Amino acid sequence: MASFSSAVSALNAVTPVLGTTMQFISAGAGLANSIAARSNGDMARQQEHDFTQLAQQQKVNMEIAQQNAALEREKIEQAAADTESRRRTALKRAVARQRAQYGASGLGAAPGGSGEAVLLGLFDQSEEEKNTANALDTLRKKALDQGLANQQTLNLLQTQQLKANQALERALL
């Protein structure tokens, strides 16, 4: 019995120490949870900041790309107008020169004759040049549109990658 009572006495002496130790452990766990929660809150704020910053950067880049594309479209349109003007002027000169040559040779430009066929050939050639230039301009505009679409795709990809990386960071904590 003596050993039982000495064991109970020893246990009674250790119990306050165990209670204090448990309080320290509980406080430590609470502090760790508090730090983790604060860290998670900081991470969430940092991730939101990163996401906002990426969105703003992408918006600025897209606006710049759109402005550059609009400027390039204006250049294409101006070049097309200049080319069309030069084409018409050259056609008028060629027709006038051809008519002058026919008049000088005494052939004239009588309707239905070979002179008319030559003049129609000049018109057809000029129209082909116009169609070729229009096709090239259309291709250039499509390239601009494709560049903008590529920029949008890149923005979407970057956004998805950031979201995936952030989700992975959250999962690891």
N, C-alpha and C. Protein backbone atom coordinates (compact mmCIF):
# COMPACT_ATOMS: atom_id res chain seq x y z
N MET A 1 0.80 -1.18 0.00
CA MET A 1 0.00 0.00 0.00
C MET A 1 0.85 1.24 0.00
N ALA A 2 1.98 1.11 0.61
CA ALA A 2 2.86 2.26 0.68
C ALA A 2 3.31 2.66 -0.70
N SER A 3 3.56 1.70 -1.53
CA SER A 3 4.01 2.05 -2.86
C SER A 3 2.88 2.67 -3.67
N PHE A 4 1.66 2.26 -3.40
CA PHE A 4 0.53 2.85 -4.10
C PHE A 4 0.35 4.30 -3.66
N SER A 5 0.45 4.56 -2.39
CA SER A 5 0.28 5.92 -1.93
C SER A 5 1.45 6.79 -2.34
N SER A 6 2.66 6.25 -2.43
CA SER A 6 3.77 7.06 -2.91
C SER A 6 3.61 7.33 -4.41
N ALA A 7 3.04 6.41 -5.13
CA ALA A 7 2.78 6.62 -6.55
C ALA A 7 1.71 7.68 -6.73
N VAL A 8 0.68 7.66 -5.90
CA VAL A 8 -0.38 8.66 -5.97
C VAL A 8 0.18 10.01 -5.61
N SER A 9 1.05 10.08 -4.61
CA SER A 9 1.67 11.34 -4.20
C SER A 9 2.53 11.89 -5.34
N ALA A 10 3.30 11.00 -5.96
CA ALA A 10 4.14 11.45 -7.06
C ALA A 10 3.29 11.93 -8.22
N LEU A 11 2.20 11.23 -8.44
CA LEU A 11 1.28 11.61 -9.52
C LEU A 11 0.63 12.95 -9.21
N ASN A 12 0.26 13.16 -7.96
CA ASN A 12 -0.33 14.44 -7.57
C ASN A 12 0.68 15.56 -7.72
N ALA A 13 1.94 15.28 -7.49
CA ALA A 13 2.98 16.31 -7.63
C ALA A 13 3.23 16.62 -9.10
N VAL A 14 3.10 15.65 -9.97
CA VAL A 14 3.38 15.84 -11.40
C VAL A 14 2.18 16.45 -12.12
N THR A 15 0.99 16.26 -11.63
CA THR A 15 -0.22 16.71 -12.31
C THR A 15 -0.21 18.21 -12.58
N PRO A 16 0.15 19.08 -11.63
CA PRO A 16 0.19 20.51 -11.96
C PRO A 16 1.20 20.82 -13.07
N VAL A 17 2.32 20.09 -13.06
CA VAL A 17 3.35 20.31 -14.09
C VAL A 17 2.80 19.88 -15.44
N LEU A 18 2.10 18.75 -15.45
CA LEU A 18 1.50 18.27 -16.70
C LEU A 18 0.45 19.25 -17.21
N GLY A 19 -0.36 19.80 -16.30
CA GLY A 19 -1.37 20.78 -16.69
C GLY A 19 -0.74 22.02 -17.30
N THR A 20 0.35 22.49 -16.66
CA THR A 20 1.06 23.65 -17.18
C THR A 20 1.69 23.34 -18.53
N THR A 21 2.25 22.13 -18.64
CA THR A 21 2.86 21.71 -19.90
C THR A 21 1.79 21.65 -20.99
N MET A 22 0.65 21.12 -20.67
CA MET A 22 -0.45 21.03 -21.64
C MET A 22 -0.91 22.43 -22.05
N GLN A 23 -0.92 23.37 -21.10
CA GLN A 23 -1.29 24.75 -21.43
C GLN A 23 -0.28 25.35 -22.40
N PHE A 24 1.03 25.08 -22.13
CA PHE A 24 2.06 25.58 -23.03
C PHE A 24 1.92 24.97 -24.43
N ILE A 25 1.66 23.68 -24.46
CA ILE A 25 1.50 23.00 -25.76
C ILE A 25 0.28 23.56 -26.48
N SER A 26 -0.81 23.75 -25.75
CA SER A 26 -2.02 24.30 -26.35
C SER A 26 -1.78 25.71 -26.85
N ALA A 27 -1.08 26.51 -26.05
CA ALA A 27 -0.77 27.88 -26.46
C ALA A 27 0.13 27.88 -27.69
N GLY A 28 1.09 26.97 -27.71
CA GLY A 28 2.00 26.86 -28.86
C GLY A 28 1.25 26.47 -30.12
N ALA A 29 0.32 25.53 -29.96
CA ALA A 29 -0.48 25.11 -31.13
C ALA A 29 -1.36 26.26 -31.61
N GLY A 30 -1.93 26.99 -30.65
CA GLY A 30 -2.75 28.15 -31.02
C GLY A 30 -1.93 29.21 -31.74
N LEU A 31 -0.71 29.44 -31.23
CA LEU A 31 0.18 30.41 -31.88
C LEU A 31 0.54 29.95 -33.29
N ALA A 32 0.85 28.66 -33.42
CA ALA A 32 1.19 28.12 -34.74
C ALA A 32 0.01 28.27 -35.69
N ASN A 33 -1.20 27.97 -35.21
CA ASN A 33 -2.39 28.13 -36.05
C ASN A 33 -2.60 29.59 -36.41
N SER A 34 -2.36 30.47 -35.46
CA SER A 34 -2.52 31.90 -35.71
C SER A 34 -1.52 32.39 -36.75
N ILE A 35 -0.27 31.92 -36.64
CA ILE A 35 0.77 32.30 -37.62
C ILE A 35 0.41 31.74 -38.99
N ALA A 36 -0.06 30.49 -39.01
CA ALA A 36 -0.46 29.87 -40.29
C ALA A 36 -1.62 30.63 -40.90
N ALA A 37 -2.59 31.01 -40.06
CA ALA A 37 -3.74 31.75 -40.58
C ALA A 37 -3.30 33.10 -41.10
N ARG A 38 -2.42 33.76 -40.34
CA ARG A 38 -1.91 35.05 -40.79
C ARG A 38 -1.12 34.86 -42.07
N SER A 39 -0.33 33.80 -42.13
CA SER A 39 0.45 33.52 -43.33
C SER A 39 -0.48 33.24 -44.52
N ASN A 40 -1.55 32.47 -44.27
CA ASN A 40 -2.52 32.21 -45.33
C ASN A 40 -3.20 33.50 -45.77
N GLY A 41 -3.51 34.35 -44.82
CA GLY A 41 -4.11 35.64 -45.15
C GLY A 41 -3.15 36.50 -45.96
N ASP A 42 -1.87 36.50 -45.53
CA ASP A 42 -0.86 37.24 -46.29
C ASP A 42 -0.71 36.66 -47.68
N MET A 43 -0.73 35.33 -47.78
CA MET A 43 -0.60 34.68 -49.08
C MET A 43 -1.78 35.04 -49.97
N ALA A 44 -2.96 35.02 -49.39
CA ALA A 44 -4.16 35.35 -50.17
C ALA A 44 -4.08 36.79 -50.67
N ARG A 45 -3.65 37.69 -49.80
CA ARG A 45 -3.50 39.10 -50.23
C ARG A 45 -2.43 39.23 -51.31
N GLN A 46 -1.31 38.52 -51.14
CA GLN A 46 -0.23 38.59 -52.14
C GLN A 46 -0.70 38.00 -53.46
N GLN A 47 -1.43 36.89 -53.40
CA GLN A 47 -1.92 36.27 -54.63
C GLN A 47 -2.92 37.18 -55.33
N GLU A 48 -3.77 37.82 -54.56
CA GLU A 48 -4.74 38.75 -55.15
C GLU A 48 -4.01 39.93 -55.79
N HIS A 49 -2.97 40.41 -55.10
CA HIS A 49 -2.16 41.51 -55.65
C HIS A 49 -1.49 41.08 -56.96
N ASP A 50 -0.90 39.87 -56.97
CA ASP A 50 -0.25 39.36 -58.18
C ASP A 50 -1.24 39.24 -59.32
N PHE A 51 -2.43 38.74 -59.01
CA PHE A 51 -3.46 38.57 -60.04
C PHE A 51 -3.90 39.92 -60.58
N THR A 52 -4.12 40.88 -59.69
CA THR A 52 -4.52 42.23 -60.11
C THR A 52 -3.44 42.87 -60.96
N GLN A 53 -2.20 42.72 -60.53
CA GLN A 53 -1.08 43.30 -61.27
C GLN A 53 -0.97 42.68 -62.67
N LEU A 54 -1.13 41.37 -62.76
CA LEU A 54 -1.09 40.71 -64.07
C LEU A 54 -2.22 41.21 -64.96
N ALA A 55 -3.42 41.32 -64.40
CA ALA A 55 -4.57 41.80 -65.18
C ALA A 55 -4.33 43.22 -65.69
N GLN A 56 -3.78 44.07 -64.84
CA GLN A 56 -3.51 45.46 -65.27
C GLN A 56 -2.44 45.49 -66.36
N GLN A 57 -1.39 44.69 -66.18
CA GLN A 57 -0.33 44.64 -67.19
C GLN A 57 -0.87 44.12 -68.51
N GLN A 58 -1.71 43.09 -68.46
CA GLN A 58 -2.28 42.54 -69.68
C GLN A 58 -3.20 43.56 -70.35
N LYS A 59 -3.94 44.31 -69.56
CA LYS A 59 -4.84 45.32 -70.11
C LYS A 59 -4.04 46.38 -70.85
N VAL A 60 -2.96 46.85 -70.22
CA VAL A 60 -2.11 47.86 -70.86
C VAL A 60 -1.49 47.31 -72.14
N ASN A 61 -0.97 46.08 -72.06
CA ASN A 61 -0.35 45.47 -73.25
C ASN A 61 -1.36 45.31 -74.38
N MET A 62 -2.59 44.93 -74.03
CA MET A 62 -3.63 44.76 -75.05
C MET A 62 -4.01 46.11 -75.66
N GLU A 63 -4.12 47.14 -74.83
CA GLU A 63 -4.44 48.47 -75.36
C GLU A 63 -3.35 48.94 -76.30
N ILE A 64 -2.09 48.71 -75.94
CA ILE A 64 -0.98 49.09 -76.81
C ILE A 64 -1.04 48.31 -78.12
N ALA A 65 -1.29 47.02 -78.03
CA ALA A 65 -1.38 46.18 -79.24
C ALA A 65 -2.53 46.65 -80.14
N GLN A 66 -3.67 47.00 -79.53
CA GLN A 66 -4.81 47.48 -80.31
C GLN A 66 -4.50 48.83 -80.96
N GLN A 67 -3.83 49.71 -80.24
CA GLN A 67 -3.46 51.00 -80.82
C GLN A 67 -2.49 50.82 -81.96
N ASN A 68 -1.50 49.93 -81.78
CA ASN A 68 -0.55 49.66 -82.86
C ASN A 68 -1.24 49.06 -84.07
N ALA A 69 -2.20 48.16 -83.83
CA ALA A 69 -2.93 47.55 -84.94
C ALA A 69 -3.77 48.60 -85.66
N ALA A 70 -4.40 49.49 -84.90
CA ALA A 70 -5.21 50.55 -85.53
C ALA A 70 -4.32 51.47 -86.37
N LEU A 71 -3.15 51.80 -85.84
CA LEU A 71 -2.21 52.64 -86.58
C LEU A 71 -1.74 51.94 -87.84
N GLU A 72 -1.47 50.66 -87.73
CA GLU A 72 -1.03 49.89 -88.90
C GLU A 72 -2.15 49.79 -89.93
N ARG A 73 -3.39 49.65 -89.48
CA ARG A 73 -4.53 49.64 -90.40
C ARG A 73 -4.62 50.97 -91.15
N GLU A 74 -4.44 52.06 -90.42
CA GLU A 74 -4.47 53.37 -91.07
C GLU A 74 -3.38 53.48 -92.12
N LYS A 75 -2.19 52.97 -91.81
CA LYS A 75 -1.09 52.99 -92.78
C LYS A 75 -1.45 52.17 -94.01
N ILE A 76 -2.05 51.01 -93.78
CA ILE A 76 -2.45 50.14 -94.91
C ILE A 76 -3.49 50.86 -95.76
N GLU A 77 -4.48 51.47 -95.11
CA GLU A 77 -5.53 52.19 -95.85
C GLU A 77 -4.95 53.37 -96.63
N GLN A 78 -4.03 54.10 -96.00
CA GLN A 78 -3.43 55.25 -96.68
C GLN A 78 -2.59 54.78 -97.86
N ALA A 79 -1.82 53.72 -97.65
CA ALA A 79 -1.01 53.19 -98.75
C ALA A 79 -1.90 52.68 -99.88
N ALA A 80 -3.02 52.06 -99.53
CA ALA A 80 -3.96 51.57 -100.55
C ALA A 80 -4.55 52.73 -101.33
N ALA A 81 -4.91 53.81 -100.63
CA ALA A 81 -5.46 54.98 -101.32
C ALA A 81 -4.42 55.60 -102.24
N ASP A 82 -3.17 55.68 -101.76
CA ASP A 82 -2.10 56.23 -102.60
C ASP A 82 -1.85 55.35 -103.82
N THR A 83 -1.84 54.05 -103.60
CA THR A 83 -1.63 53.11 -104.70
C THR A 83 -2.76 53.20 -105.72
N GLU A 84 -4.00 53.29 -105.22
CA GLU A 84 -5.16 53.40 -106.12
C GLU A 84 -5.08 54.69 -106.93
N SER A 85 -4.69 55.76 -106.29
CA SER A 85 -4.56 57.05 -106.99
C SER A 85 -3.49 56.96 -108.08
N ARG A 86 -2.34 56.36 -107.73
CA ARG A 86 -1.27 56.21 -108.73
C ARG A 86 -1.70 55.28 -109.86
N ARG A 87 -2.44 54.23 -109.52
CA ARG A 87 -2.91 53.28 -110.54
C ARG A 87 -3.85 53.98 -111.53
N ARG A 88 -4.78 54.77 -111.01
CA ARG A 88 -5.72 55.48 -111.88
C ARG A 88 -5.01 56.50 -112.76
N THR A 89 -4.07 57.21 -112.15
CA THR A 89 -3.30 58.19 -112.92
C THR A 89 -2.51 57.50 -114.03
N ALA A 90 -1.87 56.39 -113.69
CA ALA A 90 -1.08 55.65 -114.68
C ALA A 90 -1.99 55.10 -115.78
N LEU A 91 -3.19 54.63 -115.41
CA LEU A 91 -4.13 54.12 -116.39
C LEU A 91 -4.58 55.24 -117.34
N LYS A 92 -4.89 56.39 -116.79
CA LYS A 92 -5.29 57.52 -117.64
C LYS A 92 -4.19 57.90 -118.60
N ARG A 93 -2.96 57.92 -118.10
CA ARG A 93 -1.83 58.26 -118.97
C ARG A 93 -1.64 57.21 -120.06
N ALA A 94 -1.75 55.93 -119.67
CA ALA A 94 -1.56 54.85 -120.65
C ALA A 94 -2.65 54.90 -121.72
N VAL A 95 -3.89 55.16 -121.30
CA VAL A 95 -4.99 55.26 -122.27
C VAL A 95 -4.76 56.46 -123.19
N ALA A 96 -4.38 57.58 -122.60
CA ALA A 96 -4.13 58.79 -123.41
C ALA A 96 -2.97 58.55 -124.37
N ARG A 97 -1.91 57.93 -123.89
CA ARG A 97 -0.76 57.66 -124.74
C ARG A 97 -1.14 56.71 -125.88
N GLN A 98 -1.92 55.68 -125.55
CA GLN A 98 -2.33 54.72 -126.57
C GLN A 98 -3.21 55.39 -127.62
N ARG A 99 -4.13 56.22 -127.15
CA ARG A 99 -5.00 56.92 -128.10
C ARG A 99 -4.19 57.88 -128.98
N ALA A 100 -3.21 58.51 -128.37
CA ALA A 100 -2.35 59.42 -129.14
C ALA A 100 -1.56 58.65 -130.19
N GLN A 101 -1.07 57.49 -129.81
CA GLN A 101 -0.32 56.68 -130.78
C GLN A 101 -1.22 56.22 -131.92
N TYR A 102 -2.45 55.82 -131.59
CA TYR A 102 -3.38 55.43 -132.64
C TYR A 102 -3.73 56.61 -133.53
N GLY A 103 -3.93 57.76 -132.95
CA GLY A 103 -4.26 58.95 -133.74
C GLY A 103 -3.10 59.34 -134.65
N ALA A 104 -1.89 59.23 -134.15
CA ALA A 104 -0.71 59.59 -134.94
C ALA A 104 -0.49 58.62 -136.08
N SER A 105 -0.88 57.38 -135.87
CA SER A 105 -0.67 56.39 -136.92
C SER A 105 -1.85 56.34 -137.89
N GLY A 106 -2.90 57.09 -137.57
CA GLY A 106 -4.05 57.15 -138.44
C GLY A 106 -5.06 56.04 -138.19
N LEU A 107 -4.86 55.25 -137.14
CA LEU A 107 -5.80 54.17 -136.86
C LEU A 107 -7.06 54.67 -136.17
N GLY A 108 -6.88 55.60 -135.26
CA GLY A 108 -8.02 56.07 -134.49
C GLY A 108 -8.43 55.02 -133.47
N ALA A 109 -9.32 55.38 -132.64
CA ALA A 109 -9.79 54.44 -131.61
C ALA A 109 -11.25 54.13 -131.89
N ALA A 110 -11.53 53.70 -133.08
CA ALA A 110 -12.90 53.40 -133.47
C ALA A 110 -13.45 52.25 -132.63
N PRO A 111 -14.70 52.37 -132.22
CA PRO A 111 -15.30 51.29 -131.42
C PRO A 111 -15.27 49.98 -132.17
N GLY A 112 -14.96 48.91 -131.40
CA GLY A 112 -14.98 47.57 -131.99
C GLY A 112 -13.67 47.19 -132.65
N GLY A 113 -12.73 48.06 -132.75
CA GLY A 113 -11.47 47.74 -133.42
C GLY A 113 -10.43 47.22 -132.45
N SER A 114 -9.25 46.99 -133.00
CA SER A 114 -8.16 46.47 -132.18
C SER A 114 -7.69 47.51 -131.16
N GLY A 115 -7.90 48.80 -131.50
CA GLY A 115 -7.55 49.85 -130.54
C GLY A 115 -8.36 49.73 -129.26
N GLU A 116 -9.63 49.42 -129.44
CA GLU A 116 -10.49 49.25 -128.26
C GLU A 116 -10.05 48.03 -127.45
N ALA A 117 -9.64 46.98 -128.12
CA ALA A 117 -9.18 45.78 -127.44
C ALA A 117 -7.93 46.08 -126.61
N VAL A 118 -7.05 46.88 -127.18
CA VAL A 118 -5.83 47.25 -126.44
C VAL A 118 -6.20 48.07 -125.21
N LEU A 119 -7.11 49.03 -125.39
CA LEU A 119 -7.52 49.85 -124.25
C LEU A 119 -8.21 49.01 -123.18
N LEU A 120 -9.07 48.07 -123.59
CA LEU A 120 -9.70 47.18 -122.63
C LEU A 120 -8.66 46.32 -121.92
N GLY A 121 -7.63 45.94 -122.64
CA GLY A 121 -6.52 45.19 -122.02
C GLY A 121 -5.84 46.02 -120.95
N LEU A 122 -5.65 47.31 -121.22
CA LEU A 122 -5.05 48.19 -120.21
C LEU A 122 -5.95 48.28 -118.97
N PHE A 123 -7.26 48.42 -119.20
CA PHE A 123 -8.20 48.47 -118.08
C PHE A 123 -8.17 47.16 -117.28
N ASP A 124 -8.16 46.04 -117.98
CA ASP A 124 -8.13 44.74 -117.31
C ASP A 124 -6.86 44.57 -116.50
N GLN A 125 -5.74 44.97 -117.10
CA GLN A 125 -4.46 44.86 -116.38
C GLN A 125 -4.47 45.72 -115.13
N SER A 126 -5.02 46.92 -115.24
CA SER A 126 -5.10 47.82 -114.10
C SER A 126 -6.02 47.24 -113.01
N GLU A 127 -7.10 46.63 -113.45
CA GLU A 127 -8.04 46.02 -112.49
C GLU A 127 -7.39 44.84 -111.77
N GLU A 128 -6.59 44.06 -112.47
CA GLU A 128 -5.87 42.94 -111.85
C GLU A 128 -4.89 43.45 -110.80
N GLU A 129 -4.19 44.55 -111.13
CA GLU A 129 -3.27 45.14 -110.16
C GLU A 129 -4.03 45.60 -108.91
N LYS A 130 -5.19 46.19 -109.14
CA LYS A 130 -6.03 46.65 -108.02
C LYS A 130 -6.45 45.46 -107.15
N ASN A 131 -6.90 44.38 -107.78
CA ASN A 131 -7.34 43.20 -107.03
C ASN A 131 -6.18 42.57 -106.25
N THR A 132 -5.01 42.53 -106.86
CA THR A 132 -3.83 41.99 -106.18
C THR A 132 -3.47 42.84 -104.96
N ALA A 133 -3.50 44.15 -105.13
CA ALA A 133 -3.21 45.05 -104.01
C ALA A 133 -4.25 44.90 -102.90
N ASN A 134 -5.52 44.78 -103.28
CA ASN A 134 -6.58 44.59 -102.28
C ASN A 134 -6.40 43.27 -101.52
N ALA A 135 -6.02 42.22 -102.23
CA ALA A 135 -5.80 40.93 -101.58
C ALA A 135 -4.63 41.01 -100.59
N LEU A 136 -3.59 41.71 -100.97
CA LEU A 136 -2.43 41.89 -100.09
C LEU A 136 -2.81 42.70 -98.86
N ASP A 137 -3.59 43.75 -99.05
CA ASP A 137 -4.05 44.56 -97.92
C ASP A 137 -4.93 43.75 -96.98
N THR A 138 -5.78 42.92 -97.54
CA THR A 138 -6.64 42.07 -96.72
C THR A 138 -5.80 41.09 -95.91
N LEU A 139 -4.78 40.55 -96.52
CA LEU A 139 -3.88 39.63 -95.83
C LEU A 139 -3.16 40.34 -94.68
N ARG A 140 -2.72 41.56 -94.93
CA ARG A 140 -2.04 42.34 -93.87
C ARG A 140 -2.99 42.61 -92.71
N LYS A 141 -4.23 42.92 -93.01
CA LYS A 141 -5.22 43.18 -91.95
C LYS A 141 -5.52 41.90 -91.16
N LYS A 142 -5.59 40.78 -91.86
CA LYS A 142 -5.80 39.50 -91.17
C LYS A 142 -4.63 39.20 -90.24
N ALA A 143 -3.42 39.52 -90.68
CA ALA A 143 -2.24 39.31 -89.83
C ALA A 143 -2.33 40.17 -88.57
N LEU A 144 -2.82 41.40 -88.70
CA LEU A 144 -3.01 42.26 -87.53
C LEU A 144 -4.05 41.66 -86.58
N ASP A 145 -5.16 41.19 -87.15
CA ASP A 145 -6.20 40.56 -86.33
C ASP A 145 -5.66 39.31 -85.63
N GLN A 146 -4.86 38.54 -86.34
CA GLN A 146 -4.28 37.33 -85.75
C GLN A 146 -3.32 37.70 -84.62
N GLY A 147 -2.57 38.77 -84.79
CA GLY A 147 -1.67 39.23 -83.73
C GLY A 147 -2.44 39.60 -82.47
N LEU A 148 -3.57 40.28 -82.64
CA LEU A 148 -4.41 40.64 -81.49
C LEU A 148 -5.00 39.39 -80.83
N ALA A 149 -5.44 38.45 -81.66
CA ALA A 149 -6.00 37.19 -81.12
C ALA A 149 -4.92 36.42 -80.36
N ASN A 150 -3.70 36.42 -80.90
CA ASN A 150 -2.59 35.75 -80.21
C ASN A 150 -2.31 36.42 -78.87
N GLN A 151 -2.39 37.74 -78.82
CA GLN A 151 -2.17 38.47 -77.56
C GLN A 151 -3.24 38.09 -76.54
N GLN A 152 -4.49 37.98 -76.98
CA GLN A 152 -5.58 37.59 -76.08
C GLN A 152 -5.36 36.16 -75.57
N THR A 153 -4.92 35.27 -76.45
CA THR A 153 -4.66 33.89 -76.06
C THR A 153 -3.52 33.83 -75.05
N LEU A 154 -2.47 34.60 -75.29
CA LEU A 154 -1.34 34.66 -74.37
C LEU A 154 -1.79 35.19 -73.01
N ASN A 155 -2.62 36.22 -73.00
CA ASN A 155 -3.13 36.76 -71.74
C ASN A 155 -3.92 35.71 -70.97
N LEU A 156 -4.77 34.98 -71.68
CA LEU A 156 -5.56 33.94 -71.04
C LEU A 156 -4.66 32.84 -70.48
N LEU A 157 -3.66 32.45 -71.24
CA LEU A 157 -2.73 31.42 -70.79
C LEU A 157 -1.98 31.88 -69.54
N GLN A 158 -1.50 33.12 -69.55
CA GLN A 158 -0.79 33.64 -68.38
C GLN A 158 -1.70 33.68 -67.15
N THR A 159 -2.94 34.07 -67.35
CA THR A 159 -3.89 34.13 -66.24
C THR A 159 -4.14 32.73 -65.68
N GLN A 160 -4.34 31.76 -66.55
CA GLN A 160 -4.59 30.39 -66.11
C GLN A 160 -3.37 29.81 -65.39
N GLN A 161 -2.17 30.11 -65.89
CA GLN A 161 -0.95 29.63 -65.24
C GLN A 161 -0.81 30.23 -63.85
N LEU A 162 -1.09 31.52 -63.72
CA LEU A 162 -1.01 32.17 -62.41
C LEU A 162 -2.01 31.54 -61.45
N LYS A 163 -3.25 31.33 -61.90
CA LYS A 163 -4.26 30.71 -61.05
C LYS A 163 -3.82 29.31 -60.61
N ALA A 164 -3.27 28.53 -61.53
CA ALA A 164 -2.82 27.17 -61.21
C ALA A 164 -1.68 27.21 -60.20
N ASN A 165 -0.72 28.11 -60.41
CA ASN A 165 0.41 28.22 -59.47
C ASN A 165 -0.07 28.65 -58.09
N GLN A 166 -1.02 29.58 -58.05
CA GLN A 166 -1.55 30.03 -56.77
C GLN A 166 -2.31 28.91 -56.06
N ALA A 167 -3.07 28.14 -56.80
CA ALA A 167 -3.79 27.01 -56.21
C ALA A 167 -2.81 25.98 -55.66
N LEU A 168 -1.72 25.76 -56.36
CA LEU A 168 -0.71 24.83 -55.90
C LEU A 168 -0.05 25.35 -54.62
N GLU A 169 0.25 26.63 -54.56
CA GLU A 169 0.84 27.21 -53.35
C GLU A 169 -0.11 27.05 -52.16
N ARG A 170 -1.39 27.30 -52.38
CA ARG A 170 -2.36 27.15 -51.30
C ARG A 170 -2.47 25.70 -50.85
N ALA A 171 -2.39 24.77 -51.79
CA ALA A 171 -2.51 23.35 -51.45
C ALA A 171 -1.30 22.87 -50.66
N LEU A 172 -0.15 23.46 -50.91
CA LEU A 172 1.06 23.03 -50.22
C LEU A 172 1.11 23.54 -48.79
N LEU A 173 0.33 24.54 -48.44
CA LEU A 173 0.33 25.05 -47.06
C LEU A 173 -0.69 24.43 -46.22
